[in-house]
Structures are given as structure tokens and as C-alpha cells.
Amino acid sequence: MLEFALFITTVLLLGFAFIFVLAISWERVRRKGYRPPGAVVIILAGWAIGIASTVLWHPPNSTRYRFIVDFFWLPLLFSAAATATLNLAPPRRPVRVFGARRVRFSFVRVGQAVIGLGILLCVLTLVYS
């Protein structure tokens, strides 16, 4: 019964630790000025490095509580350390300047051309069928 209670406690703590580390990492990366896709890439890279370092460390096949430590807590610890390092590594993004945007490529004209070509293709198909 004691092992089961220890297991449940460990799983709950692991879940809270995962959520806590994820939320703090997200907030720190977003504070640097990165948009959500860039922030997700940085966090996922940290987790991938943490899992890869656990695989490279190659923990022995263990049982009971040692198994939970080797295969759940250590990847979380390595991932948190890697994500914290990656949070420090990228530069701060410049703040966007407000005002009229100057787009180098006319997406509106390309969209209108695609719609016009689609209508032209439909008309030609009806005429020649």
C-alpha cells in the first residue's frame, strides 16, 4: 500500500512539475518577444534535448521507485535544464513598430489573380465542353 501511495504522489508531483516548467518556459520565451510558433519550437527543442540526454545517459533497467526516478524525473530535470539554457540563448526580438505596414510582396494582387484564373478556367471549361 505504501508503494502505491508513493507512486500516486510521484505521478501527481510529476504532472504539476511538468505544467509548472512548461508555463514558466512559455512565459520567459514570450517575454523575449518571440511569437507562439517560435516559442513552441524553443520549448520543444528543450524537451527533445532533455529526452535525448536521458537516452544518451542510458539508465539501467531498474524497478520500483528507481524506475520512476530514471525514466520520469530525470527526463523532466534534463528537459527543464535544457529549456532554461535555450531560454537564455536566443536574442531578444525587437518590438514591432506600429503604423502603416509596408509589404514587399502584394499578396492581395496574387489572391485576385488566382481567383480570376479560377473563374477564367471555369468559363473556358463551360465554353469548350
C-alpha atoms as a PDB file:
ATOM      1  CA  MET A   1       0.000   0.000   0.000  1.00  0.00           C
ATOM      2  CA  LEU A   2       2.871   2.358   0.754  1.00  0.00           C
ATOM      3  CA  GLU A   3       4.400   1.833  -2.696  1.00  0.00           C
ATOM      4  CA  PHE A   4       1.080   2.608  -4.359  1.00  0.00           C
ATOM      5  CA  ALA A   5       0.707   5.830  -2.355  1.00  0.00           C
ATOM      6  CA  LEU A   6       4.286   6.772  -3.223  1.00  0.00           C
ATOM      7  CA  PHE A   7       3.607   6.072  -6.897  1.00  0.00           C
ATOM      8  CA  ILE A   8       0.437   8.195  -6.937  1.00  0.00           C
ATOM      9  CA  THR A   9       2.216  11.029  -5.127  1.00  0.00           C
ATOM     10  CA  THR A  10       5.101  10.881  -7.583  1.00  0.00           C
ATOM     11  CA  VAL A  11       2.809  10.909 -10.613  1.00  0.00           C
ATOM     12  CA  LEU A  12       0.875  13.902  -9.263  1.00  0.00           C
ATOM     13  CA  LEU A  13       4.069  15.791  -8.459  1.00  0.00           C
ATOM     14  CA  LEU A  14       5.459  14.934 -11.884  1.00  0.00           C
ATOM     15  CA  GLY A  15       2.331  16.290 -13.559  1.00  0.00           C
ATOM     16  CA  PHE A  16       2.438  19.524 -11.559  1.00  0.00           C
ATOM     17  CA  ALA A  17       6.166  19.909 -12.203  1.00  0.00           C
ATOM     18  CA  PHE A  18       5.630  19.394 -15.947  1.00  0.00           C
ATOM     19  CA  ILE A  19       2.892  22.023 -16.066  1.00  0.00           C
ATOM     20  CA  PHE A  20       4.931  24.416 -13.905  1.00  0.00           C
ATOM     21  CA  VAL A  21       8.082  24.105 -16.033  1.00  0.00           C
ATOM     22  CA  LEU A  22       6.061  24.417 -19.236  1.00  0.00           C
ATOM     23  CA  ALA A  23       4.239  27.553 -18.061  1.00  0.00           C
ATOM     24  CA  ILE A  24       7.403  29.270 -16.864  1.00  0.00           C
ATOM     25  CA  SER A  25       9.283  28.391 -20.051  1.00  0.00           C
ATOM     26  CA  TRP A  26       6.432  29.715 -22.182  1.00  0.00           C
ATOM     27  CA  GLU A  27       6.271  32.970 -20.233  1.00  0.00           C
ATOM     28  CA  ARG A  28      10.023  33.585 -20.411  1.00  0.00           C
ATOM     29  CA  VAL A  29      10.248  32.910 -24.151  1.00  0.00           C
ATOM     30  CA  ARG A  30       7.224  35.100 -24.873  1.00  0.00           C
ATOM     31  CA  ARG A  31       8.705  37.870 -22.696  1.00  0.00           C
ATOM     32  CA  LYS A  32      11.743  37.894 -25.001  1.00  0.00           C
ATOM     33  CA  GLY A  33       9.445  38.856 -27.861  1.00  0.00           C
ATOM     34  CA  TYR A  34       9.013  35.544 -29.672  1.00  0.00           C
ATOM     35  CA  ARG A  35       5.665  34.732 -31.207  1.00  0.00           C
ATOM     36  CA  PRO A  36       3.857  31.485 -30.318  1.00  0.00           C
ATOM     37  CA  PRO A  37       5.372  29.321 -33.133  1.00  0.00           C
ATOM     38  CA  GLY A  38       8.902  30.355 -32.196  1.00  0.00           C
ATOM     39  CA  ALA A  39       8.191  29.867 -28.504  1.00  0.00           C
ATOM     40  CA  VAL A  40       6.839  26.373 -29.145  1.00  0.00           C
ATOM     41  CA  VAL A  41       9.934  25.470 -31.171  1.00  0.00           C
ATOM     42  CA  ILE A  42      12.245  26.604 -28.372  1.00  0.00           C
ATOM     43  CA  ILE A  43      10.291  24.669 -25.724  1.00  0.00           C
ATOM     44  CA  LEU A  44      10.042  21.521 -27.861  1.00  0.00           C
ATOM     45  CA  ALA A  45      13.762  21.707 -28.602  1.00  0.00           C
ATOM     46  CA  GLY A  46      14.447  21.853 -24.871  1.00  0.00           C
ATOM     47  CA  TRP A  47      12.269  18.818 -24.234  1.00  0.00           C
ATOM     48  CA  ALA A  48      13.872  16.923 -27.119  1.00  0.00           C
ATOM     49  CA  ILE A  49      17.349  17.687 -25.767  1.00  0.00           C
ATOM     50  CA  GLY A  50      16.251  16.527 -22.303  1.00  0.00           C
ATOM     51  CA  ILE A  51      14.870  13.244 -23.593  1.00  0.00           C
ATOM     52  CA  ALA A  52      17.904  12.683 -25.818  1.00  0.00           C
ATOM     53  CA  SER A  53      20.252  13.297 -22.898  1.00  0.00           C
ATOM     54  CA  THR A  54      18.334  10.723 -20.853  1.00  0.00           C
ATOM     55  CA  VAL A  55      18.679   8.226 -23.698  1.00  0.00           C
ATOM     56  CA  LEU A  56      22.393   9.002 -24.003  1.00  0.00           C
ATOM     57  CA  TRP A  57      22.829   8.604 -20.251  1.00  0.00           C
ATOM     58  CA  HIS A  58      21.249   5.166 -20.715  1.00  0.00           C
ATOM     59  CA  PRO A  59      19.831   4.467 -17.268  1.00  0.00           C
ATOM     60  CA  PRO A  60      19.967   0.810 -16.215  1.00  0.00           C
ATOM     61  CA  ASN A  61      16.835  -1.297 -16.221  1.00  0.00           C
ATOM     62  CA  SER A  62      15.560  -0.623 -12.762  1.00  0.00           C
ATOM     63  CA  THR A  63      12.461  -1.498 -10.815  1.00  0.00           C
ATOM     64  CA  ARG A  64      10.073   0.139  -8.412  1.00  0.00           C
ATOM     65  CA  TYR A  65      10.813   3.691  -7.354  1.00  0.00           C
ATOM     66  CA  ARG A  66      14.172   3.801  -9.123  1.00  0.00           C
ATOM     67  CA  PHE A  67      12.331   3.234 -12.429  1.00  0.00           C
ATOM     68  CA  ILE A  68      10.204   6.342 -11.834  1.00  0.00           C
ATOM     69  CA  VAL A  69      13.276   8.385 -10.985  1.00  0.00           C
ATOM     70  CA  ASP A  70      15.266   7.157 -14.003  1.00  0.00           C
ATOM     71  CA  PHE A  71      12.573   7.368 -16.647  1.00  0.00           C
ATOM     72  CA  PHE A  72      10.287  10.172 -15.453  1.00  0.00           C
ATOM     73  CA  TRP A  73      12.088  12.578 -13.120  1.00  0.00           C
ATOM     74  CA  LEU A  74      15.445  12.668 -14.891  1.00  0.00           C
ATOM     75  CA  PRO A  75      13.966  13.488 -18.328  1.00  0.00           C
ATOM     76  CA  LEU A  76      11.925  16.219 -16.660  1.00  0.00           C
ATOM     77  CA  LEU A  77      15.026  17.562 -14.916  1.00  0.00           C
ATOM     78  CA  PHE A  78      17.173  17.401 -18.056  1.00  0.00           C
ATOM     79  CA  SER A  79      14.404  18.971 -20.137  1.00  0.00           C
ATOM     80  CA  ALA A  80      13.930  21.799 -17.653  1.00  0.00           C
ATOM     81  CA  ALA A  81      17.677  22.477 -17.646  1.00  0.00           C
ATOM     82  CA  ALA A  82      17.882  22.383 -21.450  1.00  0.00           C
ATOM     83  CA  THR A  83      14.840  24.635 -21.827  1.00  0.00           C
ATOM     84  CA  ALA A  84      16.256  27.105 -19.297  1.00  0.00           C
ATOM     85  CA  THR A  85      19.520  27.159 -21.259  1.00  0.00           C
ATOM     86  CA  LEU A  86      17.645  27.656 -24.520  1.00  0.00           C
ATOM     87  CA  ASN A  87      15.670  30.487 -22.926  1.00  0.00           C
ATOM     88  CA  LEU A  88      18.934  32.266 -22.215  1.00  0.00           C
ATOM     89  CA  ALA A  89      20.481  31.592 -25.634  1.00  0.00           C
ATOM     90  CA  PRO A  90      18.266  33.371 -28.205  1.00  0.00           C
ATOM     91  CA  PRO A  91      18.459  37.132 -28.526  1.00  0.00           C
ATOM     92  CA  ARG A  92      15.653  39.451 -27.568  1.00  0.00           C
ATOM     93  CA  ARG A  93      13.356  40.136 -30.515  1.00  0.00           C
ATOM     94  CA  PRO A  94      12.802  43.775 -31.488  1.00  0.00           C
ATOM     95  CA  VAL A  95       9.433  45.255 -30.697  1.00  0.00           C
ATOM     96  CA  ARG A  96       7.220  45.796 -33.731  1.00  0.00           C
ATOM     97  CA  VAL A  97       6.904  49.366 -34.911  1.00  0.00           C
ATOM     98  CA  PHE A  98       3.291  50.416 -35.208  1.00  0.00           C
ATOM     99  CA  GLY A  99       1.878  52.298 -38.117  1.00  0.00           C
ATOM    100  CA  ALA A 100       1.265  51.572 -41.766  1.00  0.00           C
ATOM    101  CA  ARG A 101       2.819  48.301 -42.856  1.00  0.00           C
ATOM    102  CA  ARG A 102       4.959  48.275 -45.961  1.00  0.00           C
ATOM    103  CA  VAL A 103       4.597  44.893 -47.573  1.00  0.00           C
ATOM    104  CA  ARG A 104       7.247  43.920 -50.107  1.00  0.00           C
ATOM    105  CA  PHE A 105       5.039  41.351 -51.826  1.00  0.00           C
ATOM    106  CA  SER A 106       1.483  42.066 -52.977  1.00  0.00           C
ATOM    107  CA  PHE A 107      -0.490  39.161 -51.562  1.00  0.00           C
ATOM    108  CA  VAL A 108      -3.757  40.887 -52.439  1.00  0.00           C
ATOM    109  CA  ARG A 109      -2.901  41.013 -56.145  1.00  0.00           C
ATOM    110  CA  VAL A 110      -1.767  37.382 -56.151  1.00  0.00           C
ATOM    111  CA  GLY A 111      -5.027  36.357 -54.479  1.00  0.00           C
ATOM    112  CA  GLN A 112      -7.056  38.313 -57.001  1.00  0.00           C
ATOM    113  CA  ALA A 113      -5.069  36.731 -59.849  1.00  0.00           C
ATOM    114  CA  VAL A 114      -5.696  33.221 -58.514  1.00  0.00           C
ATOM    115  CA  ILE A 115      -9.427  33.916 -58.209  1.00  0.00           C
ATOM    116  CA  GLY A 116      -9.509  35.428 -61.705  1.00  0.00           C
ATOM    117  CA  LEU A 117      -7.662  32.444 -63.178  1.00  0.00           C
ATOM    118  CA  GLY A 118     -10.098  30.090 -61.449  1.00  0.00           C
ATOM    119  CA  ILE A 119     -13.094  31.929 -62.898  1.00  0.00           C
ATOM    120  CA  LEU A 120     -11.438  32.006 -66.334  1.00  0.00           C
ATOM    121  CA  LEU A 121     -10.760  28.266 -66.141  1.00  0.00           C
ATOM    122  CA  CYS A 122     -14.405  27.589 -65.214  1.00  0.00           C
ATOM    123  CA  VAL A 123     -15.656  29.739 -68.115  1.00  0.00           C
ATOM    124  CA  LEU A 124     -13.282  28.067 -70.602  1.00  0.00           C
ATOM    125  CA  THR A 125     -14.359  24.647 -69.366  1.00  0.00           C
ATOM    126  CA  LEU A 126     -18.038  25.521 -69.880  1.00  0.00           C
ATOM    127  CA  VAL A 127     -17.397  27.040 -73.318  1.00  0.00           C
ATOM    128  CA  TYR A 128     -15.366  24.113 -74.683  1.00  0.00           C
ATOM    129  CA  SER A 129     -17.399  21.264 -73.186  1.00  0.00           C
END
